[in-house]
C-alpha cells in the first residue's frame, strides 16, 4: 500500500509505503495479515526503512492502534531497519492508525 503526497516542502515526491504480508495459521484456522515494513521515499529513492512489530490481525478484521510510531513514548512499533539507514533521522507517528486486509 503506497500513499503518494507529491511535493511536501523540500521533499520532492513524498511516498509512504506500507509493506504488508499475509500468512495462514493452522492453530487459528485463518489467514492473518501483518505490517512487515514501512518505507519513506522522496526524491524518487528510499530514504528510510522501519521494521514493524506487533502490527497484525486476522485477515477478516482490521488492526487499530492509537499510535503507531518510531518514538519510545508511544511504545515504538516502528524500529529503524539498520544502524546505517537514514531512518534514525526520522520520527514517524501515525495517530488513530487503522489498516484492513484486502483479502
Protein backbone atom coordinates (compact mmCIF):
# COMPACT_ATOMS: atom_id res chain seq x y z
CA UNK A 1 0.00 0.00 0.00
CA UNK A 2 1.51 3.35 -1.03
CA UNK A 3 0.39 6.84 -0.08
CA UNK A 4 1.67 9.39 -2.58
CA UNK A 5 1.75 13.01 -1.45
CA UNK A 6 3.67 14.70 -4.25
CA UNK A 7 5.92 17.55 -3.12
CA UNK A 8 5.82 18.43 0.59
CA UNK A 9 8.15 21.29 1.50
CA UNK A 10 11.66 20.30 0.45
CA UNK A 11 10.62 16.67 -0.04
CA UNK A 12 10.02 16.04 -3.73
CA UNK A 13 7.62 13.19 -4.45
CA UNK A 14 6.96 12.04 -0.86
CA UNK A 15 5.65 8.46 -0.68
CA UNK A 16 4.88 6.39 2.41
CA UNK A 17 4.95 2.70 1.54
CA UNK A 18 3.41 0.03 3.80
CA UNK A 19 4.63 -3.50 3.06
CA UNK A 20 2.00 -5.98 4.23
CA UNK A 21 2.26 -9.77 4.35
CA UNK A 22 -0.35 -12.48 4.82
CA UNK A 23 0.10 -15.89 6.45
CA UNK A 24 -2.14 -18.82 7.22
CA UNK A 25 -2.01 -20.13 10.80
CA UNK A 26 -3.41 -23.60 11.33
CA UNK A 27 -3.95 -23.06 15.06
CA UNK A 28 -6.42 -20.24 14.41
CA UNK A 29 -7.60 -21.80 11.12
CA UNK A 30 -7.47 -18.47 9.30
CA UNK A 31 -5.30 -16.04 7.39
CA UNK A 32 -3.62 -13.18 9.24
CA UNK A 33 -2.06 -10.02 7.82
CA UNK A 34 0.79 -8.03 9.28
CA UNK A 35 2.54 -4.78 8.56
CA UNK A 36 6.06 -6.00 7.87
CA UNK A 37 7.87 -2.79 6.96
CA UNK A 38 7.34 0.94 6.42
CA UNK A 39 9.39 2.87 3.87
CA UNK A 40 9.66 6.62 3.38
CA UNK A 41 10.61 7.70 -0.13
CA UNK A 42 11.29 11.12 -1.54
CA UNK A 43 13.28 12.49 -4.43
CA UNK A 44 12.43 9.13 -6.08
CA UNK A 45 14.51 6.95 -3.75
CA UNK A 46 14.05 5.10 -0.45
CA UNK A 47 15.27 7.32 2.36
CA UNK A 48 14.22 5.43 5.48
CA UNK A 49 13.01 1.93 6.31
CA UNK A 50 11.38 0.82 9.55
CA UNK A 51 10.61 -2.74 10.57
CA UNK A 52 7.15 -3.01 12.09
CA UNK A 53 6.48 -5.05 15.24
CA UNK A 54 3.22 -6.30 16.76
CA UNK A 55 1.02 -4.88 13.98
CA UNK A 56 -1.14 -7.79 12.84
CA UNK A 57 -4.72 -9.05 12.80
CA UNK A 58 -6.87 -11.81 11.31
CA UNK A 59 -7.42 -11.09 7.61
CA UNK A 60 -11.18 -10.74 8.13
CA UNK A 61 -10.65 -7.93 10.69
CA UNK A 62 -8.81 -4.64 10.84
CA UNK A 63 -5.91 -3.53 13.02
CA UNK A 64 -6.33 -0.31 15.02
CA UNK A 65 -3.94 1.49 17.36
CA UNK A 66 -3.98 4.98 18.89
CA UNK A 67 -0.31 5.50 17.99
CA UNK A 68 1.92 3.62 15.56
CA UNK A 69 5.25 5.33 15.99
CA UNK A 70 9.03 5.17 15.95
CA UNK A 71 9.08 7.05 19.27
CA UNK A 72 9.63 5.26 22.59
CA UNK A 73 6.95 7.32 24.35
CA UNK A 74 4.42 5.59 22.06
CA UNK A 75 5.94 2.13 22.56
CA UNK A 76 7.97 2.26 19.28
CA UNK A 77 6.21 -0.21 17.00
CA UNK A 78 8.39 1.07 14.12
CA UNK A 79 12.07 0.18 14.51
CA UNK A 80 14.85 1.50 12.23
CA UNK A 81 15.83 -1.34 9.90
CA UNK A 82 19.57 -0.85 10.40
CA UNK A 83 22.10 1.43 12.02
CA UNK A 84 23.25 2.56 8.56
CA UNK A 85 19.77 3.54 7.40
CA UNK A 86 18.61 7.17 7.42
CA UNK A 87 15.57 6.15 9.48
CA UNK A 88 17.40 7.28 12.64
CA UNK A 89 16.97 10.84 11.34
CA UNK A 90 13.17 10.46 11.14
CA UNK A 91 10.45 10.50 13.77
CA UNK A 92 7.29 8.86 12.45
CA UNK A 93 3.94 8.76 14.26
CA UNK A 94 0.52 7.81 12.91
CA UNK A 95 -2.37 8.81 15.19
CA UNK A 96 -5.54 6.70 15.20
CA UNK A 97 -3.93 4.24 12.78
CA UNK A 98 -6.15 1.61 11.18
CA UNK A 99 -5.45 -0.85 8.39
CA UNK A 100 -7.52 -3.70 6.98
CA UNK A 101 -6.52 -6.63 4.81
CA UNK A 102 -7.71 -6.67 1.21
CA UNK A 103 -8.25 -10.46 1.31
